[in-house]
Amino acid sequence: MRRAIPPLAAGSRGLAERFAEVITIKLLLTALFWGGTFIAGRILAVEVGPFSGAFLRFLVAGASLALVLGRREGLRPPGGRTAVRPVLLMGLTGVFLYNVFFLLGLQRIEAGRAAVLIANNPIGIALGAALFFGERLNAGKIAGILISVLGALTVITRGDPLAGLRGGFGAGEASILLCVASWVAYTLLGKQATETLSPLAAVTWSSIAGAVALLPFALVEGVHAAAGYSPAAWGSIVYLGLCGTTIGFLWYSEGILSIGPVRAGLFINFVPVFAVLLAALFLAEPITPSLLAGAALVTAGVFLTNRASR
């Protein structure tokens, strides 16, 4: 005879299931927010220079992250060379360089194409970890990398392999690929920084460091005229700072703690899908067969690489 579940156990299981549903919703929304950063970035890049846009984004993000860090852990600046150096380098790579290249790229190419190319971040991280930390590249990772690179080439050449030889690879694509390189460096440095700092502290102080580094370039570019930006530009800045950075980081970190990095990482596969759909909806960008094929290949490659990394 089947034994009945005690009321407390049944209640606990129901609570756990509801909690898992909340985490799933938060991770899906995080992917949606990150997909939306390409649309907001495209809108912002049309009106605002890359240094000014990046500085204002991380002025918003740094201030909001500092509030969260202060409430949770206290605002204690990192001390010692082993903590300060990686944080400063994270600010230089993942904040300064990444966001300048991000906005430069979105000045020149469609948001959907940029999102599919940046979806190769996990591939670059896997290669960087193998190169600098000696992590093994097994058959699954290698297959995932090759499939994802094929997807990126499909997007870059718009389905025509000879397009690159005819000038199909331009400054916009180059800038987005430099975004990928910057993010790989940021992630690998983050592994070193979190040996002495919490992930929240590392991302907060690197955001602040990056904003400080961007300020003089933004002043030269004309950020002092920010009061004259359009409501669409300011909306994009706030969205990038709050939804794309602060909320996205906090919810993704919560997902990693709750269901583990492998399962949480799978939700990143939704980012280029959401970006392509949102770009079609809000920017009227066409969804071409080559874009769909490239997105499918990149997503499959990233999924396979993540699965092989367990």
Protein backbone atom coordinates (compact mmCIF):
# COMPACT_ATOMS: atom_id res chain seq x y z
CA MET A 1 0.00 0.00 0.00
CA ARG A 2 1.33 3.42 -0.92
CA ARG A 3 2.18 5.55 2.10
CA ALA A 4 0.55 8.99 2.27
CA ILE A 5 2.81 12.03 2.23
CA PRO A 6 2.78 13.79 5.59
CA PRO A 7 1.21 17.27 5.44
CA LEU A 8 4.50 19.01 6.28
CA ALA A 9 6.43 17.11 3.60
CA ALA A 10 3.73 17.78 1.03
CA GLY A 11 3.70 21.45 1.96
CA SER A 12 7.48 21.63 1.76
CA ARG A 13 7.50 20.00 -1.65
CA GLY A 14 4.83 22.40 -2.90
CA LEU A 15 6.85 25.33 -1.59
CA ALA A 16 9.99 24.01 -3.30
CA GLU A 17 8.12 23.60 -6.59
CA ARG A 18 6.79 27.16 -6.39
CA PHE A 19 10.28 28.43 -5.61
CA ALA A 20 11.68 26.56 -8.63
CA GLU A 21 8.96 28.12 -10.80
CA VAL A 22 9.88 31.59 -9.55
CA ILE A 23 13.58 30.97 -10.33
CA THR A 24 12.66 29.72 -13.82
CA ILE A 25 10.57 32.84 -14.47
CA LYS A 26 13.39 35.08 -13.22
CA LEU A 27 15.94 33.35 -15.45
CA LEU A 28 13.66 33.64 -18.48
CA LEU A 29 13.11 37.33 -17.72
CA THR A 30 16.87 37.76 -17.35
CA ALA A 31 17.36 36.28 -20.83
CA LEU A 32 14.61 38.60 -22.09
CA PHE A 33 16.26 41.62 -20.44
CA TRP A 34 19.65 40.70 -21.92
CA GLY A 35 18.05 40.20 -25.32
CA GLY A 36 16.50 43.65 -24.95
CA THR A 37 19.90 45.26 -24.36
CA PHE A 38 20.62 44.94 -28.09
CA ILE A 39 17.48 46.88 -28.96
CA ALA A 40 18.18 49.53 -26.31
CA GLY A 41 21.81 49.70 -27.40
CA ARG A 42 20.81 50.15 -31.04
CA ILE A 43 18.44 53.00 -30.12
CA LEU A 44 21.08 54.63 -27.93
CA ALA A 45 23.91 54.25 -30.46
CA VAL A 46 21.99 56.23 -33.08
CA GLU A 47 21.96 59.35 -30.87
CA VAL A 48 24.73 59.05 -28.27
CA GLY A 49 28.47 58.46 -28.63
CA PRO A 50 29.85 55.13 -27.40
CA PHE A 51 31.88 56.55 -24.49
CA SER A 52 29.00 58.71 -23.24
CA GLY A 53 26.47 55.89 -23.58
CA ALA A 54 28.70 53.38 -21.82
CA PHE A 55 29.54 55.84 -19.02
CA LEU A 56 25.89 56.71 -18.32
CA ARG A 57 24.88 53.04 -18.40
CA PHE A 58 27.41 52.17 -15.72
CA LEU A 59 26.76 55.30 -13.74
CA VAL A 60 23.22 53.93 -13.31
CA ALA A 61 24.40 50.34 -12.85
CA GLY A 62 27.22 51.19 -10.45
CA ALA A 63 24.97 53.30 -8.23
CA SER A 64 22.20 50.67 -8.07
CA LEU A 65 24.64 47.79 -7.51
CA ALA A 66 26.36 49.78 -4.75
CA LEU A 67 23.00 50.19 -2.99
CA VAL A 68 22.40 46.44 -3.13
CA LEU A 69 25.95 45.62 -2.02
CA GLY A 70 25.70 48.09 0.85
CA ARG A 71 22.52 46.46 2.15
CA ARG A 72 23.75 42.89 1.75
CA GLU A 73 27.46 42.97 2.52
CA GLY A 74 28.50 46.53 3.29
CA LEU A 75 30.40 48.93 1.02
CA ARG A 76 33.95 47.80 1.77
CA PRO A 77 36.31 48.57 -1.13
CA PRO A 78 38.53 45.64 -2.13
CA GLY A 79 41.83 45.69 -0.29
CA GLY A 80 45.14 44.20 -1.30
CA ARG A 81 46.72 43.77 -4.69
CA THR A 82 45.19 40.32 -5.22
CA ALA A 83 41.69 41.84 -5.07
CA VAL A 84 42.22 45.32 -6.53
CA ARG A 85 44.13 44.32 -9.68
CA PRO A 86 41.54 41.87 -11.12
CA VAL A 87 38.69 44.27 -10.29
CA LEU A 88 40.41 47.10 -12.16
CA LEU A 89 41.11 44.82 -15.11
CA MET A 90 37.49 43.62 -15.06
CA GLY A 91 36.40 47.26 -15.23
CA LEU A 92 38.74 47.86 -18.17
CA THR A 93 37.64 44.78 -20.16
CA GLY A 94 34.02 43.96 -19.31
CA VAL A 95 32.85 47.54 -18.74
CA PHE A 96 35.08 49.95 -20.66
CA LEU A 97 36.07 47.95 -23.75
CA TYR A 98 33.01 45.72 -24.00
CA ASN A 99 30.49 48.54 -23.90
CA VAL A 100 32.39 50.87 -26.21
CA PHE A 101 32.70 48.08 -28.79
CA PHE A 102 29.06 47.12 -28.13
CA LEU A 103 27.74 50.58 -29.01
CA LEU A 104 30.20 51.05 -31.89
CA GLY A 105 29.02 47.77 -33.36
CA LEU A 106 25.34 48.64 -32.94
CA GLN A 107 25.92 51.89 -34.82
CA ARG A 108 26.74 49.80 -37.89
CA ILE A 109 24.88 46.47 -37.83
CA GLU A 110 21.44 45.23 -36.84
CA ALA A 111 20.66 44.32 -33.24
CA GLY A 112 19.66 40.76 -34.15
CA ARG A 113 22.93 40.06 -35.97
CA ALA A 114 24.94 41.51 -33.09
CA ALA A 115 23.07 39.34 -30.56
CA VAL A 116 23.77 36.13 -32.46
CA LEU A 117 27.48 36.97 -32.70
CA ILE A 118 27.74 37.84 -29.00
CA ALA A 119 25.99 34.56 -28.17
CA ASN A 120 29.40 32.99 -28.85
CA ASN A 121 30.65 34.30 -25.48
CA PRO A 122 30.52 30.83 -23.83
CA ILE A 123 32.57 29.42 -26.71
CA GLY A 124 35.27 32.03 -26.18
CA ILE A 125 35.20 31.39 -22.43
CA ALA A 126 35.65 27.63 -22.96
CA LEU A 127 38.66 28.30 -25.22
CA GLY A 128 40.11 30.86 -22.78
CA ALA A 129 39.69 28.50 -19.83
CA ALA A 130 41.49 25.77 -21.78
CA LEU A 131 44.30 28.13 -22.77
CA PHE A 132 44.89 29.92 -19.45
CA PHE A 133 43.56 27.51 -16.80
CA GLY A 134 44.33 24.18 -18.42
CA GLU A 135 40.70 23.03 -18.58
CA ARG A 136 40.31 20.05 -20.90
CA LEU A 137 38.59 20.42 -24.27
CA ASN A 138 36.70 17.15 -24.71
CA ALA A 139 34.99 15.99 -27.89
CA GLY A 140 31.66 17.56 -26.90
CA LYS A 141 33.21 20.98 -26.33
CA ILE A 142 35.14 20.85 -29.59
CA ALA A 143 32.01 19.87 -31.52
CA GLY A 144 30.03 22.67 -29.84
CA ILE A 145 32.72 25.21 -30.66
CA LEU A 146 32.84 24.19 -34.33
CA ILE A 147 29.04 24.29 -34.68
CA SER A 148 28.83 27.70 -33.00
CA VAL A 149 31.62 29.15 -35.15
CA LEU A 150 29.79 27.86 -38.23
CA GLY A 151 26.67 29.67 -37.01
CA ALA A 152 28.62 32.90 -36.50
CA LEU A 153 30.07 32.65 -40.01
CA THR A 154 26.58 32.06 -41.41
CA VAL A 155 25.38 35.29 -39.76
CA ILE A 156 28.45 37.33 -40.72
CA THR A 157 28.33 36.29 -44.38
CA ARG A 158 24.50 36.30 -44.51
CA GLY A 159 24.61 32.72 -45.73
CA ASP A 160 27.11 33.43 -48.48
CA PRO A 161 30.58 32.02 -47.63
CA LEU A 162 32.22 34.24 -50.26
CA ALA A 163 30.70 37.42 -48.81
CA GLY A 164 33.69 37.95 -46.54
CA LEU A 165 35.95 38.11 -49.56
CA ARG A 166 33.67 40.73 -51.10
CA GLY A 167 33.60 43.03 -48.09
CA GLY A 168 30.74 41.36 -46.21
CA PHE A 169 32.76 41.49 -42.97
CA GLY A 170 32.76 45.10 -41.83
CA ALA A 171 33.63 47.32 -38.88
CA GLY A 172 30.34 46.51 -37.16
CA GLU A 173 30.98 42.78 -37.11
CA ALA A 174 34.59 43.38 -36.02
CA SER A 175 33.43 45.55 -33.11
CA ILE A 176 30.96 42.89 -31.93
CA LEU A 177 33.62 40.18 -32.09
CA LEU A 178 35.87 42.44 -30.01
CA CYS A 179 32.97 42.55 -27.53
CA VAL A 180 33.23 38.78 -27.28
CA ALA A 181 36.98 38.97 -26.67
CA SER A 182 36.48 41.64 -23.99
CA TRP A 183 33.82 39.57 -22.23
CA VAL A 184 35.99 36.45 -22.27
CA ALA A 185 38.78 38.41 -20.56
CA TYR A 186 36.29 39.84 -18.04
CA THR A 187 34.94 36.39 -17.18
CA LEU A 188 38.37 34.81 -16.74
CA LEU A 189 39.47 37.74 -14.56
CA GLY A 190 36.27 37.32 -12.57
CA LYS A 191 37.34 33.80 -11.67
CA GLN A 192 40.44 35.29 -10.06
CA ALA A 193 38.57 38.18 -8.39
CA THR A 194 35.98 35.91 -6.73
CA GLU A 195 38.75 34.10 -4.86
CA THR A 196 38.82 37.08 -2.47
CA LEU A 197 35.50 38.87 -3.20
CA SER A 198 31.87 37.83 -3.52
CA PRO A 199 30.46 37.86 -7.09
CA LEU A 200 28.26 40.83 -6.14
CA ALA A 201 31.22 42.80 -4.80
CA ALA A 202 33.36 41.96 -7.84
CA VAL A 203 30.74 43.10 -10.36
CA THR A 204 29.89 46.23 -8.32
CA TRP A 205 33.43 47.49 -7.94
CA SER A 206 34.37 46.58 -11.52
CA SER A 207 31.31 48.52 -12.74
CA ILE A 208 32.38 51.54 -10.70
CA ALA A 209 35.99 51.23 -11.90
CA GLY A 210 34.83 51.00 -15.51
CA ALA A 211 32.57 54.05 -15.13
CA VAL A 212 35.46 56.09 -13.68
CA ALA A 213 37.70 55.03 -16.60
CA LEU A 214 35.01 56.00 -19.11
CA LEU A 215 34.35 59.45 -17.59
CA PRO A 216 37.24 61.47 -19.17
CA PHE A 217 36.51 60.02 -22.61
CA ALA A 218 32.80 60.73 -22.17
CA LEU A 219 33.56 64.35 -21.21
CA VAL A 220 35.66 64.84 -24.34
CA GLU A 221 32.88 63.26 -26.40
CA GLY A 222 30.28 65.65 -24.98
CA VAL A 223 28.42 63.83 -22.20
CA HIS A 224 27.86 67.22 -20.52
CA ALA A 225 25.07 67.71 -23.10
CA ALA A 226 23.19 64.68 -21.75
CA ALA A 227 20.29 66.89 -20.59
CA GLY A 228 19.39 67.32 -24.23
CA TYR A 229 19.13 63.59 -24.98
CA SER A 230 15.75 62.36 -26.18
CA PRO A 231 13.40 60.36 -23.88
CA ALA A 232 14.19 57.26 -25.99
CA ALA A 233 17.92 57.66 -25.32
CA TRP A 234 17.40 58.14 -21.57
CA GLY A 235 15.00 55.21 -21.47
CA SER A 236 17.66 53.07 -23.14
CA ILE A 237 20.31 54.22 -20.64
CA VAL A 238 18.10 53.38 -17.65
CA TYR A 239 17.09 50.06 -19.19
CA LEU A 240 20.71 49.09 -19.89
CA GLY A 241 21.81 50.11 -16.40
CA LEU A 242 18.97 48.61 -14.36
CA CYS A 243 17.42 45.75 -16.36
CA GLY A 244 20.41 44.80 -18.48
CA THR A 245 23.01 45.03 -15.71
CA THR A 246 21.76 45.22 -12.12
CA ILE A 247 18.58 43.11 -12.21
CA GLY A 248 20.03 40.75 -14.80
CA PHE A 249 23.14 40.08 -12.70
CA LEU A 250 21.24 39.65 -9.43
CA TRP A 251 18.63 37.27 -10.87
CA TYR A 252 21.17 35.24 -12.80
CA SER A 253 23.36 34.91 -9.69
CA GLU A 254 20.28 33.83 -7.73
CA GLY A 255 19.59 31.20 -10.37
CA ILE A 256 23.16 29.86 -10.17
CA LEU A 257 22.90 29.56 -6.39
CA SER A 258 19.47 27.89 -6.57
CA ILE A 259 19.75 25.41 -9.45
CA GLY A 260 23.46 25.39 -10.26
CA PRO A 261 25.57 27.03 -12.98
CA VAL A 262 24.93 24.40 -15.66
CA ARG A 263 21.12 24.57 -15.53
CA ALA A 264 21.12 28.35 -15.08
CA GLY A 265 23.57 28.74 -17.96
CA LEU A 266 21.16 27.01 -20.33
CA PHE A 267 18.86 30.03 -20.14
CA ILE A 268 21.55 32.12 -21.86
CA ASN A 269 20.60 30.23 -25.02
CA PHE A 270 17.35 32.22 -25.07
CA VAL A 271 19.17 35.59 -25.29
CA PRO A 272 19.79 35.65 -29.08
CA VAL A 273 16.30 34.25 -29.70
CA PHE A 274 14.68 37.04 -27.67
CA ALA A 275 16.99 39.63 -29.27
CA VAL A 276 16.08 38.61 -32.82
CA LEU A 277 12.34 38.60 -32.01
CA LEU A 278 12.48 41.95 -30.18
CA ALA A 279 14.53 43.51 -32.99
CA ALA A 280 11.88 42.41 -35.49
CA LEU A 281 9.10 43.73 -33.23
CA PHE A 282 10.54 47.10 -32.19
CA LEU A 283 13.09 47.91 -34.89
CA ALA A 284 11.40 46.22 -37.86
CA GLU A 285 14.58 44.25 -38.59
CA PRO A 286 13.99 41.41 -41.05
CA ILE A 287 14.32 37.83 -39.86
CA THR A 288 16.25 36.31 -42.77
CA PRO A 289 16.86 32.59 -43.36
CA SER A 290 20.60 33.04 -42.81
CA LEU A 291 19.95 34.80 -39.47
CA LEU A 292 17.63 31.99 -38.34
CA ALA A 293 20.08 29.33 -39.46
CA GLY A 294 23.00 31.08 -37.76
CA ALA A 295 21.03 31.58 -34.54
CA ALA A 296 20.05 27.90 -34.50
CA LEU A 297 23.65 26.77 -35.05
CA VAL A 298 25.06 29.13 -32.40
CA THR A 299 22.42 28.09 -29.87
CA ALA A 300 23.05 24.41 -30.55
CA GLY A 301 26.80 24.90 -30.27
CA VAL A 302 26.54 26.79 -26.98
CA PHE A 303 24.14 24.17 -25.58
CA LEU A 304 26.50 21.36 -26.55
CA THR A 305 29.52 23.16 -25.08
CA ASN A 306 27.71 23.84 -21.79
CA ARG A 307 26.51 20.23 -21.62
CA ALA A 308 30.04 18.94 -22.22
CA SER A 309 31.33 21.23 -19.44
CA ARG A 310 29.39 19.43 -16.67
